[in-house]
Structure formats: C-alpha cells, structure tokens
Amino acid sequence: MPHSHEELLLRVRTELPTDELLSDLSDLFKIFADSTRVKILYALFESEMCVCAIAELLGMTQSAISHQLRILKDANLVGNRREGKTIYYFLSDDHVRTIIAQGFEHLIEKH
C-alpha cells in the first residue's frame, strides 16, 4: 500500500525559505568557492590585516587582493577601518568566524 507524504510535504513547504532567499544563500556559498577568498578569510580569521600584508602573505599583488576584498566586503563578510592612510580589514562578525570554523570542523571530522 503506498504511503502518503502530504503531512511531510506540508510541513516542509511551510518551513522552506523563499526562492529569493535561497538564491541569496547560494550566492553566498559561491563566494566561498574561490580559494583566494578562502585564504583571505582564513588570514582575517587570525588577525585584522591591511591589503599589503595580505598580498605579501599570499604572494599576490595588492590589486588582486583589493579586488577579492571588494567582493568579500560587498557580501558583508569583511569590514574595514581606516588608521591614517592605512585601511585594515577584518571579518565582519562572529557569523563569518563560525562559517569558517564549522567548515574546518566538518573537513577534519572523523567518520
């Protein structure tokens, strides 16, 4: 005898976010799909840094780092502050720290 999924589907449909919100979530995860951006986020996980320090750390040009930081900033993953002529970048909030930490925890978890 076939079983009914009506109750399950009704419950899931009421909890399912809108297509727009799910698309935004997908776009957020696409930002994490670039290894340079992940390296920058991890560096900022350790300490706030200026563009020149990040560029030196990753062996890249300041222009390339600035481009990636702009993407991260537009996604509200990093913030910045000015000290004189130098701009320091940092993770925007604890949610970003949690995403990075949870990702690493998932990778090293023993099955």
PDB file of N, CA and C in Angstrom:
ATOM      1  N   MET A   1       0.849  -1.168   0.000  1.00  0.00           N
ATOM      2  CA  MET A   1       0.000   0.000   0.000  1.00  0.00           C
ATOM      3  C   MET A   1       0.905   1.244   0.000  1.00  0.00           C
ATOM      4  N   PRO A   2       0.674   2.197  -0.907  1.00  0.00           N
ATOM      5  CA  PRO A   2       1.506   3.415  -0.949  1.00  0.00           C
ATOM      6  C   PRO A   2       1.275   4.260   0.298  1.00  0.00           C
ATOM      7  N   HIS A   3       2.327   4.913   0.725  1.00  0.00           N
ATOM      8  CA  HIS A   3       2.176   5.779   1.895  1.00  0.00           C
ATOM      9  C   HIS A   3       2.054   7.235   1.450  1.00  0.00           C
ATOM     10  N   SER A   4       1.481   8.047   2.303  1.00  0.00           N
ATOM     11  CA  SER A   4       1.204   9.446   1.974  1.00  0.00           C
ATOM     12  C   SER A   4       2.317  10.351   2.483  1.00  0.00           C
ATOM     13  N   HIS A   5       2.680  11.292   1.660  1.00  0.00           N
ATOM     14  CA  HIS A   5       3.697  12.285   2.026  1.00  0.00           C
ATOM     15  C   HIS A   5       3.081  13.648   2.322  1.00  0.00           C
ATOM     16  N   GLU A   6       1.757  13.717   2.310  1.00  0.00           N
ATOM     17  CA  GLU A   6       1.087  15.012   2.417  1.00  0.00           C
ATOM     18  C   GLU A   6       1.501  15.804   3.651  1.00  0.00           C
ATOM     19  N   GLU A   7       1.480  15.167   4.790  1.00  0.00           N
ATOM     20  CA  GLU A   7       1.811  15.875   6.033  1.00  0.00           C
ATOM     21  C   GLU A   7       3.261  16.363   6.012  1.00  0.00           C
ATOM     22  N   LEU A   8       4.163  15.495   5.579  1.00  0.00           N
ATOM     23  CA  LEU A   8       5.570  15.847   5.484  1.00  0.00           C
ATOM     24  C   LEU A   8       5.779  17.013   4.521  1.00  0.00           C
ATOM     25  N   LEU A   9       5.174  16.929   3.344  1.00  0.00           N
ATOM     26  CA  LEU A   9       5.341  17.985   2.346  1.00  0.00           C
ATOM     27  C   LEU A   9       4.756  19.306   2.821  1.00  0.00           C
ATOM     28  N   LEU A  10       3.638  19.256   3.484  1.00  0.00           N
ATOM     29  CA  LEU A  10       3.023  20.477   4.016  1.00  0.00           C
ATOM     30  C   LEU A  10       3.955  21.133   5.035  1.00  0.00           C
ATOM     31  N   ARG A  11       4.519  20.319   5.921  1.00  0.00           N
ATOM     32  CA  ARG A  11       5.423  20.853   6.946  1.00  0.00           C
ATOM     33  C   ARG A  11       6.676  21.473   6.306  1.00  0.00           C
ATOM     34  N   VAL A  12       7.255  20.770   5.358  1.00  0.00           N
ATOM     35  CA  VAL A  12       8.475  21.268   4.716  1.00  0.00           C
ATOM     36  C   VAL A  12       8.176  22.508   3.888  1.00  0.00           C
ATOM     37  N   ARG A  13       7.052  22.517   3.166  1.00  0.00           N
ATOM     38  CA  ARG A  13       6.689  23.703   2.369  1.00  0.00           C
ATOM     39  C   ARG A  13       6.542  24.942   3.235  1.00  0.00           C
ATOM     40  N   THR A  14       5.979  24.786   4.428  1.00  0.00           N
ATOM     41  CA  THR A  14       5.782  25.959   5.292  1.00  0.00           C
ATOM     42  C   THR A  14       7.106  26.469   5.859  1.00  0.00           C
ATOM     43  N   GLU A  15       8.109  25.595   5.960  1.00  0.00           N
ATOM     44  CA  GLU A  15       9.412  25.989   6.501  1.00  0.00           C
ATOM     45  C   GLU A  15      10.397  26.423   5.423  1.00  0.00           C
ATOM     46  N   LEU A  16      10.135  26.081   4.172  1.00  0.00           N
ATOM     47  CA  LEU A  16      11.058  26.368   3.090  1.00  0.00           C
ATOM     48  C   LEU A  16      11.152  27.879   2.843  1.00  0.00           C
ATOM     49  N   PRO A  17      12.376  28.425   2.867  1.00  0.00           N
ATOM     50  CA  PRO A  17      12.525  29.857   2.589  1.00  0.00           C
ATOM     51  C   PRO A  17      12.109  30.187   1.150  1.00  0.00           C
ATOM     52  N   THR A  18      11.959  31.462   0.880  1.00  0.00           N
ATOM     53  CA  THR A  18      11.578  31.892  -0.473  1.00  0.00           C
ATOM     54  C   THR A  18      12.698  31.577  -1.461  1.00  0.00           C
ATOM     55  N   ASP A  19      12.338  31.515  -2.726  1.00  0.00           N
ATOM     56  CA  ASP A  19      13.341  31.288  -3.773  1.00  0.00           C
ATOM     57  C   ASP A  19      14.405  32.379  -3.756  1.00  0.00           C
ATOM     58  N   GLU A  20      13.990  33.605  -3.496  1.00  0.00           N
ATOM     59  CA  GLU A  20      14.948  34.724  -3.457  1.00  0.00           C
ATOM     60  C   GLU A  20      15.970  34.525  -2.337  1.00  0.00           C
ATOM     61  N   LEU A  21      15.506  34.131  -1.172  1.00  0.00           N
ATOM     62  CA  LEU A  21      16.413  33.917  -0.049  1.00  0.00           C
ATOM     63  C   LEU A  21      17.340  32.728  -0.310  1.00  0.00           C
ATOM     64  N   LEU A  22      16.818  31.665  -0.888  1.00  0.00           N
ATOM     65  CA  LEU A  22      17.653  30.510  -1.211  1.00  0.00           C
ATOM     66  C   LEU A  22      18.681  30.854  -2.287  1.00  0.00           C
ATOM     67  N   SER A  23      18.306  31.711  -3.222  1.00  0.00           N
ATOM     68  CA  SER A  23      19.245  32.171  -4.243  1.00  0.00           C
ATOM     69  C   SER A  23      20.357  33.003  -3.607  1.00  0.00           C
ATOM     70  N   ASP A  24      19.990  33.858  -2.651  1.00  0.00           N
ATOM     71  CA  ASP A  24      20.991  34.653  -1.926  1.00  0.00           C
ATOM     72  C   ASP A  24      21.949  33.750  -1.157  1.00  0.00           C
ATOM     73  N   LEU A  25      21.428  32.699  -0.557  1.00  0.00           N
ATOM     74  CA  LEU A  25      22.273  31.748   0.169  1.00  0.00           C
ATOM     75  C   LEU A  25      23.230  31.048  -0.790  1.00  0.00           C
ATOM     76  N   SER A  26      22.723  30.672  -1.941  1.00  0.00           N
ATOM     77  CA  SER A  26      23.564  30.053  -2.961  1.00  0.00           C
ATOM     78  C   SER A  26      24.680  31.003  -3.393  1.00  0.00           C
ATOM     79  N   ASP A  27      24.342  32.271  -3.584  1.00  0.00           N
ATOM     80  CA  ASP A  27      25.351  33.271  -3.960  1.00  0.00           C
ATOM     81  C   ASP A  27      26.402  33.434  -2.874  1.00  0.00           C
ATOM     82  N   LEU A  28      25.982  33.384  -1.620  1.00  0.00           N
ATOM     83  CA  LEU A  28      26.930  33.477  -0.511  1.00  0.00           C
ATOM     84  C   LEU A  28      27.931  32.327  -0.559  1.00  0.00           C
ATOM     85  N   PHE A  29      27.426  31.120  -0.773  1.00  0.00           N
ATOM     86  CA  PHE A  29      28.327  29.968  -0.813  1.00  0.00           C
ATOM     87  C   PHE A  29      29.248  30.004  -2.031  1.00  0.00           C
ATOM     88  N   LYS A  30      28.806  30.633  -3.119  1.00  0.00           N
ATOM     89  CA  LYS A  30      29.676  30.782  -4.291  1.00  0.00           C
ATOM     90  C   LYS A  30      30.904  31.627  -3.953  1.00  0.00           C
ATOM     91  N   ILE A  31      30.751  32.572  -3.060  1.00  0.00           N
ATOM     92  CA  ILE A  31      31.882  33.407  -2.656  1.00  0.00           C
ATOM     93  C   ILE A  31      32.935  32.550  -1.964  1.00  0.00           C
ATOM     94  N   PHE A  32      32.507  31.552  -1.214  1.00  0.00           N
ATOM     95  CA  PHE A  32      33.431  30.650  -0.530  1.00  0.00           C
ATOM     96  C   PHE A  32      34.062  29.633  -1.487  1.00  0.00           C
ATOM     97  N   ALA A  33      33.602  29.602  -2.732  1.00  0.00           N
ATOM     98  CA  ALA A  33      34.104  28.619  -3.699  1.00  0.00           C
ATOM     99  C   ALA A  33      35.424  29.047  -4.338  1.00  0.00           C
ATOM    100  N   ASP A  34      35.934  30.213  -3.997  1.00  0.00           N
ATOM    101  CA  ASP A  34      37.190  30.700  -4.561  1.00  0.00           C
ATOM    102  C   ASP A  34      38.297  30.550  -3.513  1.00  0.00           C
ATOM    103  N   SER A  35      39.368  29.831  -3.857  1.00  0.00           N
ATOM    104  CA  SER A  35      40.406  29.537  -2.870  1.00  0.00           C
ATOM    105  C   SER A  35      41.135  30.800  -2.401  1.00  0.00           C
ATOM    106  N   THR A  36      41.286  31.795  -3.260  1.00  0.00           N
ATOM    107  CA  THR A  36      41.933  33.047  -2.821  1.00  0.00           C
ATOM    108  C   THR A  36      41.098  33.730  -1.762  1.00  0.00           C
ATOM    109  N   ARG A  37      39.802  33.792  -1.987  1.00  0.00           N
ATOM    110  CA  ARG A  37      38.933  34.426  -0.989  1.00  0.00           C
ATOM    111  C   ARG A  37      38.940  33.643   0.315  1.00  0.00           C
ATOM    112  N   VAL A  38      38.968  32.317   0.230  1.00  0.00           N
ATOM    113  CA  VAL A  38      39.020  31.498   1.450  1.00  0.00           C
ATOM    114  C   VAL A  38      40.332  31.756   2.193  1.00  0.00           C
ATOM    115  N   LYS A  39      41.434  31.878   1.458  1.00  0.00           N
ATOM    116  CA  LYS A  39      42.719  32.191   2.101  1.00  0.00           C
ATOM    117  C   LYS A  39      42.666  33.543   2.801  1.00  0.00           C
ATOM    118  N   ILE A  40      42.070  34.526   2.152  1.00  0.00           N
ATOM    119  CA  ILE A  40      41.940  35.855   2.758  1.00  0.00           C
ATOM    120  C   ILE A  40      41.082  35.768   4.021  1.00  0.00           C
ATOM    121  N   LEU A  41      39.960  35.084   3.931  1.00  0.00           N
ATOM    122  CA  LEU A  41      39.090  34.946   5.102  1.00  0.00           C
ATOM    123  C   LEU A  41      39.811  34.241   6.241  1.00  0.00           C
ATOM    124  N   TYR A  42      40.558  33.202   5.915  1.00  0.00           N
ATOM    125  CA  TYR A  42      41.279  32.499   6.966  1.00  0.00           C
ATOM    126  C   TYR A  42      42.340  33.393   7.586  1.00  0.00           C
ATOM    127  N   ALA A  43      43.053  34.166   6.769  1.00  0.00           N
ATOM    128  CA  ALA A  43      44.051  35.105   7.302  1.00  0.00           C
ATOM    129  C   ALA A  43      43.384  36.100   8.247  1.00  0.00           C
ATOM    130  N   LEU A  44      42.214  36.602   7.838  1.00  0.00           N
ATOM    131  CA  LEU A  44      41.497  37.562   8.678  1.00  0.00           C
ATOM    132  C   LEU A  44      40.868  36.885   9.895  1.00  0.00           C
ATOM    133  N   PHE A  45      40.674  35.580   9.825  1.00  0.00           N
ATOM    134  CA  PHE A  45      40.213  34.811  10.978  1.00  0.00           C
ATOM    135  C   PHE A  45      41.261  34.909  12.085  1.00  0.00           C
ATOM    136  N   GLU A  46      42.536  34.949  11.675  1.00  0.00           N
ATOM    137  CA  GLU A  46      43.648  35.015  12.626  1.00  0.00           C
ATOM    138  C   GLU A  46      43.895  36.431  13.130  1.00  0.00           C
ATOM    139  N   SER A  47      43.762  37.431  12.241  1.00  0.00           N
ATOM    140  CA  SER A  47      44.068  38.810  12.639  1.00  0.00           C
ATOM    141  C   SER A  47      43.577  39.783  11.587  1.00  0.00           C
ATOM    142  N   GLU A  48      43.217  40.995  12.004  1.00  0.00           N
ATOM    143  CA  GLU A  48      42.927  42.016  11.008  1.00  0.00           C
ATOM    144  C   GLU A  48      44.231  42.362  10.297  1.00  0.00           C
ATOM    145  N   MET A  49      44.122  42.719   9.026  1.00  0.00           N
ATOM    146  CA  MET A  49      45.315  42.964   8.218  1.00  0.00           C
ATOM    147  C   MET A  49      45.032  44.037   7.177  1.00  0.00           C
ATOM    148  N   CYS A  50      46.093  44.693   6.730  1.00  0.00           N
ATOM    149  CA  CYS A  50      45.981  45.637   5.621  1.00  0.00           C
ATOM    150  C   CYS A  50      46.202  44.883   4.312  1.00  0.00           C
ATOM    151  N   VAL A  51      45.841  45.516   3.210  1.00  0.00           N
ATOM    152  CA  VAL A  51      45.965  44.887   1.893  1.00  0.00           C
ATOM    153  C   VAL A  51      47.397  44.450   1.625  1.00  0.00           C
ATOM    154  N   CYS A  52      48.370  45.310   1.954  1.00  0.00           N
ATOM    155  CA  CYS A  52      49.759  44.973   1.643  1.00  0.00           C
ATOM    156  C   CYS A  52      50.229  43.749   2.423  1.00  0.00           C
ATOM    157  N   ALA A  53      49.774  43.583   3.647  1.00  0.00           N
ATOM    158  CA  ALA A  53      50.156  42.396   4.432  1.00  0.00           C
ATOM    159  C   ALA A  53      49.514  41.139   3.857  1.00  0.00           C
ATOM    160  N   ILE A  54      48.248  41.234   3.462  1.00  0.00           N
ATOM    161  CA  ILE A  54      47.574  40.074   2.870  1.00  0.00           C
ATOM    162  C   ILE A  54      48.259  39.697   1.555  1.00  0.00           C
ATOM    163  N   ALA A  55      48.590  40.703   0.750  1.00  0.00           N
ATOM    164  CA  ALA A  55      49.256  40.453  -0.532  1.00  0.00           C
ATOM    165  C   ALA A  55      50.593  39.750  -0.321  1.00  0.00           C
ATOM    166  N   GLU A  56      51.354  40.218   0.667  1.00  0.00           N
ATOM    167  CA  GLU A  56      52.642  39.597   0.956  1.00  0.00           C
ATOM    168  C   GLU A  56      52.462  38.165   1.456  1.00  0.00           C
ATOM    169  N   LEU A  57      51.502  37.970   2.347  1.00  0.00           N
ATOM    170  CA  LEU A  57      51.230  36.645   2.897  1.00  0.00           C
ATOM    171  C   LEU A  57      50.880  35.637   1.799  1.00  0.00           C
ATOM    172  N   LEU A  58      50.054  36.066   0.849  1.00  0.00           N
ATOM    173  CA  LEU A  58      49.560  35.151  -0.178  1.00  0.00           C
ATOM    174  C   LEU A  58      50.400  35.173  -1.453  1.00  0.00           C
ATOM    175  N   GLY A  59      51.408  36.059  -1.494  1.00  0.00           N
ATOM    176  CA  GLY A  59      52.251  36.135  -2.685  1.00  0.00           C
ATOM    177  C   GLY A  59      51.501  36.636  -3.903  1.00  0.00           C
ATOM    178  N   MET A  60      50.631  37.611  -3.688  1.00  0.00           N
ATOM    179  CA  MET A  60      49.817  38.160  -4.771  1.00  0.00           C
ATOM    180  C   MET A  60      49.980  39.674  -4.818  1.00  0.00           C
ATOM    181  N   THR A  61      49.463  40.286  -5.869  1.00  0.00           N
ATOM    182  CA  THR A  61      49.536  41.740  -5.979  1.00  0.00           C
ATOM    183  C   THR A  61      48.475  42.376  -5.091  1.00  0.00           C
ATOM    184  N   GLN A  62      48.734  43.609  -4.690  1.00  0.00           N
ATOM    185  CA  GLN A  62      47.754  44.339  -3.890  1.00  0.00           C
ATOM    186  C   GLN A  62      46.465  44.541  -4.679  1.00  0.00           C
ATOM    187  N   SER A  63      46.602  44.735  -5.988  1.00  0.00           N
ATOM    188  CA  SER A  63      45.428  44.914  -6.838  1.00  0.00           C
ATOM    189  C   SER A  63      44.535  43.676  -6.814  1.00  0.00           C
ATOM    190  N   ALA A  64      45.144  42.500  -6.921  1.00  0.00           N
ATOM    191  CA  ALA A  64      44.369  41.251  -6.897  1.00  0.00           C
ATOM    192  C   ALA A  64      43.689  41.066  -5.549  1.00  0.00           C
ATOM    193  N   ILE A  65      44.395  41.381  -4.478  1.00  0.00           N
ATOM    194  CA  ILE A  65      43.809  41.262  -3.136  1.00  0.00           C
ATOM    195  C   ILE A  65      42.676  42.257  -2.957  1.00  0.00           C
ATOM    196  N   SER A  66      42.880  43.484  -3.406  1.00  0.00           N
ATOM    197  CA  SER A  66      41.838  44.509  -3.297  1.00  0.00           C
ATOM    198  C   SER A  66      40.567  44.087  -4.025  1.00  0.00           C
ATOM    199  N   HIS A  67      40.732  43.485  -5.197  1.00  0.00           N
ATOM    200  CA  HIS A  67      39.579  43.008  -5.962  1.00  0.00           C
ATOM    201  C   HIS A  67      38.797  41.967  -5.151  1.00  0.00           C
ATOM    202  N   GLN A  68      39.504  41.005  -4.561  1.00  0.00           N
ATOM    203  CA  GLN A  68      38.842  39.964  -3.772  1.00  0.00           C
ATOM    204  C   GLN A  68      38.219  40.544  -2.502  1.00  0.00           C
ATOM    205  N   LEU A  69      38.902  41.492  -1.880  1.00  0.00           N
ATOM    206  CA  LEU A  69      38.346  42.131  -0.676  1.00  0.00           C
ATOM    207  C   LEU A  69      37.061  42.889  -0.996  1.00  0.00           C
ATOM    208  N   ARG A  70      36.988  43.491  -2.170  1.00  0.00           N
ATOM    209  CA  ARG A  70      35.775  44.206  -2.573  1.00  0.00           C
ATOM    210  C   ARG A  70      34.603  43.220  -2.669  1.00  0.00           C
ATOM    211  N   ILE A  71      34.852  42.040  -3.240  1.00  0.00           N
ATOM    212  CA  ILE A  71      33.806  41.013  -3.333  1.00  0.00           C
ATOM    213  C   ILE A  71      33.373  40.579  -1.933  1.00  0.00           C
ATOM    214  N   LEU A  72      34.343  40.350  -1.059  1.00  0.00           N
ATOM    215  CA  LEU A  72      34.040  39.927   0.313  1.00  0.00           C
ATOM    216  C   LEU A  72      33.301  41.021   1.082  1.00  0.00           C
ATOM    217  N   LYS A  73      33.679  42.261   0.853  1.00  0.00           N
ATOM    218  CA  LYS A  73      33.033  43.387   1.535  1.00  0.00           C
ATOM    219  C   LYS A  73      31.599  43.556   1.036  1.00  0.00           C
ATOM    220  N   ASP A  74      31.405  43.431  -0.294  1.00  0.00           N
ATOM    221  CA  ASP A  74      30.053  43.551  -0.863  1.00  0.00           C
ATOM    222  C   ASP A  74      29.119  42.472  -0.322  1.00  0.00           C
ATOM    223  N   ALA A  75      29.691  41.331   0.048  1.00  0.00           N
ATOM    224  CA  ALA A  75      28.895  40.237   0.619  1.00  0.00           C
ATOM    225  C   ALA A  75      28.780  40.345   2.143  1.00  0.00           C
ATOM    226  N   ASN A  76      29.288  41.433   2.706  1.00  0.00           N
ATOM    227  CA  ASN A  76      29.259  41.663   4.154  1.00  0.00           C
ATOM    228  C   ASN A  76      30.011  40.596   4.947  1.00  0.00           C
ATOM    229  N   LEU A  77      31.046  40.033   4.328  1.00  0.00           N
ATOM    230  CA  LEU A  77      31.862  39.047   5.025  1.00  0.00           C
ATOM    231  C   LEU A  77      33.063  39.693   5.699  1.00  0.00           C
ATOM    232  N   VAL A  78      33.515  40.814   5.185  1.00  0.00           N
ATOM    233  CA  VAL A  78      34.608  41.558   5.811  1.00  0.00           C
ATOM    234  C   VAL A  78      34.198  43.010   5.982  1.00  0.00           C
ATOM    235  N   GLY A  79      34.800  43.636   6.973  1.00  0.00           N
ATOM    236  CA  GLY A  79      34.637  45.057   7.200  1.00  0.00           C
ATOM    237  C   GLY A  79      36.015  45.691   7.177  1.00  0.00           C
ATOM    238  N   ASN A  80      36.043  46.997   7.302  1.00  0.00           N
ATOM    239  CA  ASN A  80      37.347  47.662   7.353  1.00  0.00           C
ATOM    240  C   ASN A  80      37.301  48.880   8.243  1.00  0.00           C
ATOM    241  N   ARG A  81      38.488  49.325   8.611  1.00  0.00           N
ATOM    242  CA  ARG A  81      38.632  50.556   9.387  1.00  0.00           C
ATOM    243  C   ARG A  81      39.887  51.252   8.885  1.00  0.00           C
ATOM    244  N   ARG A  82      39.862  52.561   8.953  1.00  0.00           N
ATOM    245  CA  ARG A  82      40.995  53.363   8.498  1.00  0.00           C
ATOM    246  C   ARG A  82      41.803  53.825   9.693  1.00  0.00           C
ATOM    247  N   GLU A  83      43.107  53.715   9.556  1.00  0.00           N
ATOM    248  CA  GLU A  83      44.035  54.253  10.553  1.00  0.00           C
ATOM    249  C   GLU A  83      45.072  55.055   9.776  1.00  0.00           C
ATOM    250  N   GLY A  84      44.883  56.375   9.751  1.00  0.00           N
ATOM    251  CA  GLY A  84      45.731  57.225   8.913  1.00  0.00           C
ATOM    252  C   GLY A  84      45.444  56.920   7.458  1.00  0.00           C
ATOM    253  N   LYS A  85      46.480  56.580   6.713  1.00  0.00           N
ATOM    254  CA  LYS A  85      46.299  56.243   5.301  1.00  0.00           C
ATOM    255  C   LYS A  85      46.097  54.747   5.073  1.00  0.00           C
ATOM    256  N   THR A  86      46.193  53.966   6.133  1.00  0.00           N
ATOM    257  CA  THR A  86      46.105  52.515   6.003  1.00  0.00           C
ATOM    258  C   THR A  86      44.695  52.039   6.346  1.00  0.00           C
ATOM    259  N   ILE A  87      44.193  51.128   5.516  1.00  0.00           N
ATOM    260  CA  ILE A  87      42.884  50.514   5.766  1.00  0.00           C
ATOM    261  C   ILE A  87      43.122  49.078   6.215  1.00  0.00           C
ATOM    262  N   TYR A  88      42.572  48.741   7.363  1.00  0.00           N
ATOM    263  CA  TYR A  88      42.687  47.390   7.921  1.00  0.00           C
ATOM    264  C   TYR A  88      41.373  46.647   7.697  1.00  0.00           C
ATOM    265  N   TYR A  89      41.491  45.405   7.289  1.00  0.00           N
ATOM    266  CA  TYR A  89      40.329  44.556   7.036  1.00  0.00           C
ATOM    267  C   TYR A  89      40.200  43.518   8.138  1.00  0.00           C
ATOM    268  N   PHE A  90      38.959  43.125   8.410  1.00  0.00           N
ATOM    269  CA  PHE A  90      38.658  42.154   9.458  1.00  0.00           C
ATOM    270  C   PHE A  90      37.380  41.416   9.090  1.00  0.00           C
ATOM    271  N   LEU A  91      37.159  40.262   9.707  1.00  0.00           N
ATOM    272  CA  LEU A  91      35.902  39.539   9.495  1.00  0.00           C
ATOM    273  C   LEU A  91      34.771  40.381  10.062  1.00  0.00           C
ATOM    274  N   SER A  92      33.677  40.465   9.330  1.00  0.00           N
ATOM    275  CA  SER A  92      32.625  41.403   9.703  1.00  0.00           C
ATOM    276  C   SER A  92      31.896  41.054  10.993  1.00  0.00           C
ATOM    277  N   ASP A  93      31.770  39.762  11.297  1.00  0.00           N
ATOM    278  CA  ASP A  93      31.093  39.404  12.545  1.00  0.00           C
ATOM    279  C   ASP A  93      31.377  37.948  12.906  1.00  0.00           C
ATOM    280  N   ASP A  94      30.818  37.530  14.020  1.00  0.00           N
ATOM    281  CA  ASP A  94      31.046  36.163  14.503  1.00  0.00           C
ATOM    282  C   ASP A  94      30.429  35.104  13.597  1.00  0.00           C
ATOM    283  N   HIS A  95      29.413  35.489  12.808  1.00  0.00           N
ATOM    284  CA  HIS A  95      28.827  34.510  11.886  1.00  0.00           C
ATOM    285  C   HIS A  95      29.860  34.033  10.871  1.00  0.00           C
ATOM    286  N   VAL A  96      30.688  34.947  10.386  1.00  0.00           N
ATOM    287  CA  VAL A  96      31.713  34.581   9.406  1.00  0.00           C
ATOM    288  C   VAL A  96      32.739  33.666  10.070  1.00  0.00           C
ATOM    289  N   ARG A  97      33.119  33.987  11.295  1.00  0.00           N
ATOM    290  CA  ARG A  97      34.052  33.127  12.035  1.00  0.00           C
ATOM    291  C   ARG A  97      33.455  31.720  12.198  1.00  0.00           C
ATOM    292  N   THR A  98      32.179  31.652  12.495  1.00  0.00           N
ATOM    293  CA  THR A  98      31.507  30.371  12.691  1.00  0.00           C
ATOM    294  C   THR A  98      31.476  29.568  11.393  1.00  0.00           C
ATOM    295  N   ILE A  99      31.181  30.216  10.273  1.00  0.00           N
ATOM    296  CA  ILE A  99      31.148  29.520   8.983  1.00  0.00           C
ATOM    297  C   ILE A  99      32.510  28.887   8.703  1.00  0.00           C
ATOM    298  N   ILE A 100      33.575  29.650   8.896  1.00  0.00           N
ATOM    299  CA  ILE A 100      34.921  29.143   8.644  1.00  0.00           C
ATOM    300  C   ILE A 100      35.248  28.004   9.611  1.00  0.00           C
ATOM    301  N   ALA A 101      34.988  28.218  10.887  1.00  0.00           N
ATOM    302  CA  ALA A 101      35.295  27.197  11.888  1.00  0.00           C
ATOM    303  C   ALA A 101      34.491  25.926  11.646  1.00  0.00           C
ATOM    304  N   GLN A 102      33.213  26.054  11.308  1.00  0.00           N
ATOM    305  CA  GLN A 102      32.370  24.885  11.050  1.00  0.00           C
ATOM    306  C   GLN A 102      32.843  24.139   9.810  1.00  0.00           C
ATOM    307  N   GLY A 103      33.271  24.883   8.796  1.00  0.00           N
ATOM    308  CA  GLY A 103      33.793  24.242   7.590  1.00  0.00           C
ATOM    309  C   GLY A 103      35.014  23.400   7.897  1.00  0.00           C
ATOM    310  N   PHE A 104      35.935  23.949   8.678  1.00  0.00           N
ATOM    311  CA  PHE A 104      37.125  23.194   9.052  1.00  0.00           C
ATOM    312  C   PHE A 104      36.777  22.005   9.929  1.00  0.00           C
ATOM    313  N   GLU A 105      35.856  22.199  10.850  1.00  0.00           N
ATOM    314  CA  GLU A 105      35.445  21.101  11.723  1.00  0.00           C
ATOM    315  C   GLU A 105      34.856  19.966  10.889  1.00  0.00           C
ATOM    316  N   HIS A 106      34.062  20.323   9.902  1.00  0.00           N
ATOM    317  CA  HIS A 106      33.475  19.300   9.018  1.00  0.00           C
ATOM    318  C   HIS A 106      34.558  18.536   8.250  1.00  0.00           C
ATOM    319  N   LEU A 107      35.576  19.265   7.783  1.00  0.00           N
ATOM    320  CA  LEU A 107      36.640  18.632   6.999  1.00  0.00           C
ATOM    321  C   LEU A 107      37.472  17.659   7.823  1.00  0.00           C
ATOM    322  N   ILE A 108      37.720  17.993   9.085  1.00  0.00           N
ATOM    323  CA  ILE A 108      38.613  17.163   9.886  1.00  0.00           C
ATOM    324  C   ILE A 108      37.869  16.132  10.753  1.00  0.00           C
ATOM    325  N   GLU A 109      36.551  16.189  10.703  1.00  0.00           N
ATOM    326  CA  GLU A 109      35.738  15.267  11.478  1.00  0.00           C
ATOM    327  C   GLU A 109      36.019  13.826  11.056  1.00  0.00           C
ATOM    328  N   LYS A 110      36.192  12.966  12.037  1.00  0.00           N
ATOM    329  CA  LYS A 110      36.399  11.546  11.744  1.00  0.00           C
ATOM    330  C   LYS A 110      35.059  10.861  11.589  1.00  0.00           C
ATOM    331  N   HIS A 111      34.976  10.065  10.549  1.00  0.00           N
ATOM    332  CA  HIS A 111      33.696   9.381  10.264  1.00  0.00           C
ATOM    333  C   HIS A 111      33.670   8.033  10.942  1.00  0.00           C
TER     334      HIS A 111
END
